[in-house]
């Protein structure tokens, strides 16, 4: 299996939903990790962003290009 890498930090749930739909449509393997923590009622999301997307290294460039089209100011890791 390919090495999975953290591709980008997502700012909000809307961006995560759009990215997830796009990844599923293209059958790109991925993991979305939310920074929400019930104990702290989402405190870390306000500091770090909504969460991040992980994918095999081979898909990094394709995902980065989509995120740039979606939101030119999106943070990359």
PDB file of N, CA and C in Angstrom:
ATOM      1  N   UNK A   1       0.846  -1.187   0.000  1.00  0.00           N
ATOM      2  CA  UNK A   1       0.000   0.000   0.000  1.00  0.00           C
ATOM      3  C   UNK A   1       0.883   1.240   0.000  1.00  0.00           C
ATOM      4  N   UNK A   2       0.413   2.266  -0.662  1.00  0.00           N
ATOM      5  CA  UNK A   2       1.152   3.523  -0.728  1.00  0.00           C
ATOM      6  C   UNK A   2       1.242   4.167   0.648  1.00  0.00           C
ATOM      7  N   UNK A   3       2.246   5.020   0.807  1.00  0.00           N
ATOM      8  CA  UNK A   3       2.337   5.807   2.040  1.00  0.00           C
ATOM      9  C   UNK A   3       1.271   6.883   2.012  1.00  0.00           C
ATOM     10  N   UNK A   4       0.528   6.988   3.108  1.00  0.00           N
ATOM     11  CA  UNK A   4      -0.493   8.015   3.234  1.00  0.00           C
ATOM     12  C   UNK A   4       0.144   9.258   3.838  1.00  0.00           C
ATOM     13  N   UNK A   5      -0.259  10.410   3.326  1.00  0.00           N
ATOM     14  CA  UNK A   5       0.279  11.680   3.806  1.00  0.00           C
ATOM     15  C   UNK A   5      -0.856  12.645   4.101  1.00  0.00           C
ATOM     16  N   UNK A   6      -0.579  13.589   4.967  1.00  0.00           N
ATOM     17  CA  UNK A   6      -1.523  14.676   5.244  1.00  0.00           C
ATOM     18  C   UNK A   6      -1.417  15.646   4.078  1.00  0.00           C
ATOM     19  N   UNK A   7      -2.485  15.775   3.322  1.00  0.00           N
ATOM     20  CA  UNK A   7      -2.454  16.579   2.102  1.00  0.00           C
ATOM     21  C   UNK A   7      -2.784  18.042   2.373  1.00  0.00           C
ATOM     22  N   UNK A   8      -3.844  18.294   3.151  1.00  0.00           N
ATOM     23  CA  UNK A   8      -4.264  19.682   3.371  1.00  0.00           C
ATOM     24  C   UNK A   8      -5.095  19.801   4.633  1.00  0.00           C
ATOM     25  N   UNK A   9      -5.036  20.983   5.238  1.00  0.00           N
ATOM     26  CA  UNK A   9      -5.908  21.332   6.356  1.00  0.00           C
ATOM     27  C   UNK A   9      -7.131  22.005   5.751  1.00  0.00           C
ATOM     28  N   UNK A  10      -8.302  21.590   6.211  1.00  0.00           N
ATOM     29  CA  UNK A  10      -9.557  22.142   5.704  1.00  0.00           C
ATOM     30  C   UNK A  10     -10.121  23.131   6.718  1.00  0.00           C
ATOM     31  N   UNK A  11     -10.629  24.245   6.220  1.00  0.00           N
ATOM     32  CA  UNK A  11     -11.103  25.307   7.105  1.00  0.00           C
ATOM     33  C   UNK A  11     -12.488  25.067   7.683  1.00  0.00           C
ATOM     34  N   UNK A  12     -13.333  24.312   6.961  1.00  0.00           N
ATOM     35  CA  UNK A  12     -14.708  24.170   7.432  1.00  0.00           C
ATOM     36  C   UNK A  12     -15.359  22.904   6.899  1.00  0.00           C
ATOM     37  N   UNK A  13     -16.535  22.615   7.428  1.00  0.00           N
ATOM     38  CA  UNK A  13     -17.290  21.415   7.065  1.00  0.00           C
ATOM     39  C   UNK A  13     -17.723  21.432   5.603  1.00  0.00           C
ATOM     40  N   UNK A  14     -18.037  22.603   5.067  1.00  0.00           N
ATOM     41  CA  UNK A  14     -18.472  22.711   3.670  1.00  0.00           C
ATOM     42  C   UNK A  14     -17.347  22.271   2.733  1.00  0.00           C
ATOM     43  N   UNK A  15     -16.141  22.767   2.974  1.00  0.00           N
ATOM     44  CA  UNK A  15     -14.998  22.364   2.158  1.00  0.00           C
ATOM     45  C   UNK A  15     -14.765  20.864   2.278  1.00  0.00           C
ATOM     46  N   UNK A  16     -14.915  20.324   3.475  1.00  0.00           N
ATOM     47  CA  UNK A  16     -14.729  18.880   3.692  1.00  0.00           C
ATOM     48  C   UNK A  16     -15.769  18.090   2.906  1.00  0.00           C
ATOM     49  N   UNK A  17     -17.022  18.532   2.926  1.00  0.00           N
ATOM     50  CA  UNK A  17     -18.080  17.826   2.193  1.00  0.00           C
ATOM     51  C   UNK A  17     -17.856  17.868   0.685  1.00  0.00           C
ATOM     52  N   UNK A  18     -17.477  19.028   0.172  1.00  0.00           N
ATOM     53  CA  UNK A  18     -17.211  19.146  -1.266  1.00  0.00           C
ATOM     54  C   UNK A  18     -16.037  18.266  -1.684  1.00  0.00           C
ATOM     55  N   UNK A  19     -14.975  18.294  -0.884  1.00  0.00           N
ATOM     56  CA  UNK A  19     -13.811  17.477  -1.192  1.00  0.00           C
ATOM     57  C   UNK A  19     -14.163  15.997  -1.127  1.00  0.00           C
ATOM     58  N   UNK A  20     -14.906  15.601  -0.117  1.00  0.00           N
ATOM     59  CA  UNK A  20     -15.273  14.190   0.023  1.00  0.00           C
ATOM     60  C   UNK A  20     -16.076  13.699  -1.182  1.00  0.00           C
ATOM     61  N   UNK A  21     -17.037  14.487  -1.633  1.00  0.00           N
ATOM     62  CA  UNK A  21     -17.832  14.112  -2.805  1.00  0.00           C
ATOM     63  C   UNK A  21     -16.947  13.978  -4.042  1.00  0.00           C
ATOM     64  N   UNK A  22     -16.027  14.915  -4.210  1.00  0.00           N
ATOM     65  CA  UNK A  22     -15.106  14.890  -5.357  1.00  0.00           C
ATOM     66  C   UNK A  22     -14.208  13.658  -5.309  1.00  0.00           C
ATOM     67  N   UNK A  23     -13.677  13.338  -4.131  1.00  0.00           N
ATOM     68  CA  UNK A  23     -12.803  12.170  -3.981  1.00  0.00           C
ATOM     69  C   UNK A  23     -13.562  10.876  -4.248  1.00  0.00           C
ATOM     70  N   UNK A  24     -14.778  10.772  -3.749  1.00  0.00           N
ATOM     71  CA  UNK A  24     -15.586   9.573  -3.981  1.00  0.00           C
ATOM     72  C   UNK A  24     -15.919   9.413  -5.456  1.00  0.00           C
ATOM     73  N   UNK A  25     -16.246  10.514  -6.106  1.00  0.00           N
ATOM     74  CA  UNK A  25     -16.578  10.484  -7.538  1.00  0.00           C
ATOM     75  C   UNK A  25     -15.416   9.936  -8.363  1.00  0.00           C
ATOM     76  N   UNK A  26     -14.196  10.268  -7.968  1.00  0.00           N
ATOM     77  CA  UNK A  26     -13.006   9.835  -8.690  1.00  0.00           C
ATOM     78  C   UNK A  26     -12.395   8.550  -8.135  1.00  0.00           C
ATOM     79  N   UNK A  27     -13.043   7.986  -7.104  1.00  0.00           N
ATOM     80  CA  UNK A  27     -12.570   6.751  -6.469  1.00  0.00           C
ATOM     81  C   UNK A  27     -11.131   6.869  -5.955  1.00  0.00           C
ATOM     82  N   UNK A  28     -10.829   8.035  -5.389  1.00  0.00           N
ATOM     83  CA  UNK A  28      -9.519   8.279  -4.792  1.00  0.00           C
ATOM     84  C   UNK A  28      -9.608   7.893  -3.320  1.00  0.00           C
ATOM     85  N   UNK A  29      -8.715   7.024  -2.849  1.00  0.00           N
ATOM     86  CA  UNK A  29      -8.733   6.661  -1.429  1.00  0.00           C
ATOM     87  C   UNK A  29      -8.360   7.869  -0.568  1.00  0.00           C
ATOM     88  N   UNK A  30      -9.042   8.017   0.565  1.00  0.00           N
ATOM     89  CA  UNK A  30      -8.799   9.183   1.413  1.00  0.00           C
ATOM     90  C   UNK A  30      -9.255   8.896   2.833  1.00  0.00           C
ATOM     91  N   UNK A  31      -8.833   9.771   3.740  1.00  0.00           N
ATOM     92  CA  UNK A  31      -9.319   9.800   5.115  1.00  0.00           C
ATOM     93  C   UNK A  31      -9.528  11.265   5.482  1.00  0.00           C
ATOM     94  N   UNK A  32     -10.691  11.576   6.007  1.00  0.00           N
ATOM     95  CA  UNK A  32     -10.942  12.915   6.538  1.00  0.00           C
ATOM     96  C   UNK A  32     -10.858  12.812   8.051  1.00  0.00           C
ATOM     97  N   UNK A  33     -10.073  13.678   8.653  1.00  0.00           N
ATOM     98  CA  UNK A  33      -9.914  13.692  10.106  1.00  0.00           C
ATOM     99  C   UNK A  33     -10.377  15.037  10.648  1.00  0.00           C
ATOM    100  N   UNK A  34     -11.412  15.004  11.449  1.00  0.00           N
ATOM    101  CA  UNK A  34     -11.928  16.222  12.068  1.00  0.00           C
ATOM    102  C   UNK A  34     -11.142  16.503  13.347  1.00  0.00           C
ATOM    103  N   UNK A  35     -10.943  17.766  13.648  1.00  0.00           N
ATOM    104  CA  UNK A  35     -10.279  18.155  14.894  1.00  0.00           C
ATOM    105  C   UNK A  35     -11.286  18.393  16.021  1.00  0.00           C
ATOM    106  N   UNK A  36     -12.560  18.091  15.754  1.00  0.00           N
ATOM    107  CA  UNK A  36     -13.589  18.299  16.781  1.00  0.00           C
ATOM    108  C   UNK A  36     -13.364  17.349  17.949  1.00  0.00           C
ATOM    109  N   UNK A  37     -13.463  17.878  19.134  1.00  0.00           N
ATOM    110  CA  UNK A  37     -13.321  17.086  20.356  1.00  0.00           C
ATOM    111  C   UNK A  37     -14.516  17.405  21.237  1.00  0.00           C
ATOM    112  N   UNK A  38     -15.310  16.398  21.540  1.00  0.00           N
ATOM    113  CA  UNK A  38     -16.523  16.603  22.333  1.00  0.00           C
ATOM    114  C   UNK A  38     -16.206  17.214  23.690  1.00  0.00           C
ATOM    115  N   UNK A  39     -15.143  16.760  24.310  1.00  0.00           N
ATOM    116  CA  UNK A  39     -14.794  17.256  25.648  1.00  0.00           C
ATOM    117  C   UNK A  39     -14.516  18.759  25.661  1.00  0.00           C
ATOM    118  N   UNK A  40     -13.979  19.272  24.570  1.00  0.00           N
ATOM    119  CA  UNK A  40     -13.648  20.700  24.503  1.00  0.00           C
ATOM    120  C   UNK A  40     -14.591  21.479  23.589  1.00  0.00           C
ATOM    121  N   UNK A  41     -15.702  20.845  23.183  1.00  0.00           N
ATOM    122  CA  UNK A  41     -16.734  21.475  22.375  1.00  0.00           C
ATOM    123  C   UNK A  41     -16.191  22.195  21.138  1.00  0.00           C
ATOM    124  N   UNK A  42     -15.303  21.548  20.415  1.00  0.00           N
ATOM    125  CA  UNK A  42     -14.803  22.106  19.166  1.00  0.00           C
ATOM    126  C   UNK A  42     -13.753  23.196  19.310  1.00  0.00           C
ATOM    127  N   UNK A  43     -13.206  23.374  20.488  1.00  0.00           N
ATOM    128  CA  UNK A  43     -12.215  24.422  20.729  1.00  0.00           C
ATOM    129  C   UNK A  43     -11.054  24.343  19.743  1.00  0.00           C
ATOM    130  N   UNK A  44     -10.558  23.140  19.470  1.00  0.00           N
ATOM    131  CA  UNK A  44      -9.399  22.994  18.590  1.00  0.00           C
ATOM    132  C   UNK A  44      -9.722  23.335  17.143  1.00  0.00           C
ATOM    133  N   UNK A  45     -10.982  23.178  16.734  1.00  0.00           N
ATOM    134  CA  UNK A  45     -11.348  23.538  15.373  1.00  0.00           C
ATOM    135  C   UNK A  45     -11.232  25.041  15.152  1.00  0.00           C
ATOM    136  N   UNK A  46     -11.503  25.819  16.156  1.00  0.00           N
ATOM    137  CA  UNK A  46     -11.383  27.273  15.987  1.00  0.00           C
ATOM    138  C   UNK A  46      -9.919  27.700  15.928  1.00  0.00           C
ATOM    139  N   UNK A  47      -9.026  26.873  16.455  1.00  0.00           N
ATOM    140  CA  UNK A  47      -7.604  27.200  16.451  1.00  0.00           C
ATOM    141  C   UNK A  47      -6.849  26.577  15.279  1.00  0.00           C
ATOM    142  N   UNK A  48      -7.206  25.341  14.913  1.00  0.00           N
ATOM    143  CA  UNK A  48      -6.440  24.591  13.913  1.00  0.00           C
ATOM    144  C   UNK A  48      -7.126  24.437  12.564  1.00  0.00           C
ATOM    145  N   UNK A  49      -8.418  24.727  12.486  1.00  0.00           N
ATOM    146  CA  UNK A  49      -9.183  24.462  11.280  1.00  0.00           C
ATOM    147  C   UNK A  49     -10.117  23.290  11.523  1.00  0.00           C
ATOM    148  N   UNK A  50     -10.982  23.004  10.555  1.00  0.00           N
ATOM    149  CA  UNK A  50     -11.970  21.944  10.727  1.00  0.00           C
ATOM    150  C   UNK A  50     -11.319  20.582  10.914  1.00  0.00           C
ATOM    151  N   UNK A  51     -10.308  20.308  10.109  1.00  0.00           N
ATOM    152  CA  UNK A  51      -9.634  19.012  10.131  1.00  0.00           C
ATOM    153  C   UNK A  51      -8.696  18.919   8.943  1.00  0.00           C
ATOM    154  N   UNK A  52      -8.329  17.705   8.573  1.00  0.00           N
ATOM    155  CA  UNK A  52      -7.446  17.557   7.419  1.00  0.00           C
ATOM    156  C   UNK A  52      -7.813  16.322   6.602  1.00  0.00           C
ATOM    157  N   UNK A  53      -7.267  16.263   5.410  1.00  0.00           N
ATOM    158  CA  UNK A  53      -7.462  15.124   4.522  1.00  0.00           C
ATOM    159  C   UNK A  53      -6.127  14.414   4.364  1.00  0.00           C
ATOM    160  N   UNK A  54      -6.176  13.087   4.408  1.00  0.00           N
ATOM    161  CA  UNK A  54      -5.016  12.232   4.169  1.00  0.00           C
ATOM    162  C   UNK A  54      -5.309  11.384   2.937  1.00  0.00           C
ATOM    163  N   UNK A  55      -4.277  11.097   2.166  1.00  0.00           N
ATOM    164  CA  UNK A  55      -4.423  10.270   0.969  1.00  0.00           C
ATOM    165  C   UNK A  55      -3.058   9.694   0.612  1.00  0.00           C
ATOM    166  N   UNK A  56      -3.034   8.689  -0.254  1.00  0.00           N
ATOM    167  CA  UNK A  56      -1.743   8.189  -0.717  1.00  0.00           C
ATOM    168  C   UNK A  56      -0.970   9.299  -1.438  1.00  0.00           C
ATOM    169  N   UNK A  57       0.320   9.298  -1.271  1.00  0.00           N
ATOM    170  CA  UNK A  57       1.199  10.317  -1.867  1.00  0.00           C
ATOM    171  C   UNK A  57       0.937  10.495  -3.361  1.00  0.00           C
ATOM    172  N   UNK A  58       0.610   9.430  -4.059  1.00  0.00           N
ATOM    173  CA  UNK A  58       0.394   9.486  -5.507  1.00  0.00           C
ATOM    174  C   UNK A  58      -0.753  10.417  -5.903  1.00  0.00           C
ATOM    175  N   UNK A  59      -1.666  10.691  -4.991  1.00  0.00           N
ATOM    176  CA  UNK A  59      -2.822  11.543  -5.293  1.00  0.00           C
ATOM    177  C   UNK A  59      -2.663  12.968  -4.777  1.00  0.00           C
ATOM    178  N   UNK A  60      -1.575  13.267  -4.108  1.00  0.00           N
ATOM    179  CA  UNK A  60      -1.394  14.585  -3.492  1.00  0.00           C
ATOM    180  C   UNK A  60      -1.564  15.734  -4.486  1.00  0.00           C
ATOM    181  N   UNK A  61      -0.907  15.640  -5.597  1.00  0.00           N
ATOM    182  CA  UNK A  61      -0.936  16.745  -6.567  1.00  0.00           C
ATOM    183  C   UNK A  61      -2.357  16.983  -7.097  1.00  0.00           C
ATOM    184  N   UNK A  62      -3.055  15.894  -7.420  1.00  0.00           N
ATOM    185  CA  UNK A  62      -4.414  16.003  -7.943  1.00  0.00           C
ATOM    186  C   UNK A  62      -5.356  16.653  -6.913  1.00  0.00           C
ATOM    187  N   UNK A  63      -5.222  16.253  -5.651  1.00  0.00           N
ATOM    188  CA  UNK A  63      -6.047  16.831  -4.586  1.00  0.00           C
ATOM    189  C   UNK A  63      -5.686  18.290  -4.364  1.00  0.00           C
ATOM    190  N   UNK A  64      -4.395  18.601  -4.348  1.00  0.00           N
ATOM    191  CA  UNK A  64      -3.958  19.996  -4.190  1.00  0.00           C
ATOM    192  C   UNK A  64      -4.546  20.885  -5.289  1.00  0.00           C
ATOM    193  N   UNK A  65      -4.522  20.399  -6.527  1.00  0.00           N
ATOM    194  CA  UNK A  65      -5.056  21.188  -7.643  1.00  0.00           C
ATOM    195  C   UNK A  65      -6.553  21.433  -7.473  1.00  0.00           C
ATOM    196  N   UNK A  66      -7.293  20.409  -7.035  1.00  0.00           N
ATOM    197  CA  UNK A  66      -8.721  20.589  -6.809  1.00  0.00           C
ATOM    198  C   UNK A  66      -8.961  21.616  -5.705  1.00  0.00           C
ATOM    199  N   UNK A  67      -8.221  21.519  -4.613  1.00  0.00           N
ATOM    200  CA  UNK A  67      -8.406  22.453  -3.506  1.00  0.00           C
ATOM    201  C   UNK A  67      -8.063  23.880  -3.914  1.00  0.00           C
ATOM    202  N   UNK A  68      -7.064  24.055  -4.760  1.00  0.00           N
ATOM    203  CA  UNK A  68      -6.729  25.393  -5.244  1.00  0.00           C
ATOM    204  C   UNK A  68      -7.860  25.956  -6.092  1.00  0.00           C
ATOM    205  N   UNK A  69      -8.499  25.100  -6.896  1.00  0.00           N
ATOM    206  CA  UNK A  69      -9.649  25.541  -7.688  1.00  0.00           C
ATOM    207  C   UNK A  69     -10.841  25.857  -6.792  1.00  0.00           C
ATOM    208  N   UNK A  70     -11.015  25.050  -5.745  1.00  0.00           N
ATOM    209  CA  UNK A  70     -12.131  25.230  -4.815  1.00  0.00           C
ATOM    210  C   UNK A  70     -11.967  26.502  -3.998  1.00  0.00           C
ATOM    211  N   UNK A  71     -10.740  26.711  -3.499  1.00  0.00           N
ATOM    212  CA  UNK A  71     -10.480  27.844  -2.627  1.00  0.00           C
ATOM    213  C   UNK A  71      -8.998  28.214  -2.740  1.00  0.00           C
ATOM    214  N   UNK A  72      -8.675  29.251  -3.503  1.00  0.00           N
ATOM    215  CA  UNK A  72      -7.271  29.603  -3.709  1.00  0.00           C
ATOM    216  C   UNK A  72      -6.485  29.860  -2.425  1.00  0.00           C
ATOM    217  N   UNK A  73      -7.144  30.166  -1.310  1.00  0.00           N
ATOM    218  CA  UNK A  73      -6.452  30.431  -0.053  1.00  0.00           C
ATOM    219  C   UNK A  73      -6.345  29.220   0.858  1.00  0.00           C
ATOM    220  N   UNK A  74      -6.741  28.039   0.388  1.00  0.00           N
ATOM    221  CA  UNK A  74      -6.722  26.833   1.229  1.00  0.00           C
ATOM    222  C   UNK A  74      -5.319  26.507   1.690  1.00  0.00           C
ATOM    223  N   UNK A  75      -5.181  26.134   2.977  1.00  0.00           N
ATOM    224  CA  UNK A  75      -3.886  25.787   3.556  1.00  0.00           C
ATOM    225  C   UNK A  75      -3.457  24.412   3.090  1.00  0.00           C
ATOM    226  N   UNK A  76      -2.183  24.260   2.788  1.00  0.00           N
ATOM    227  CA  UNK A  76      -1.627  22.960   2.415  1.00  0.00           C
ATOM    228  C   UNK A  76      -0.625  22.553   3.485  1.00  0.00           C
ATOM    229  N   UNK A  77      -0.455  21.250   3.609  1.00  0.00           N
ATOM    230  CA  UNK A  77       0.552  20.717   4.550  1.00  0.00           C
ATOM    231  C   UNK A  77       1.711  20.172   3.761  1.00  0.00           C
TER     232      UNK A  77
END
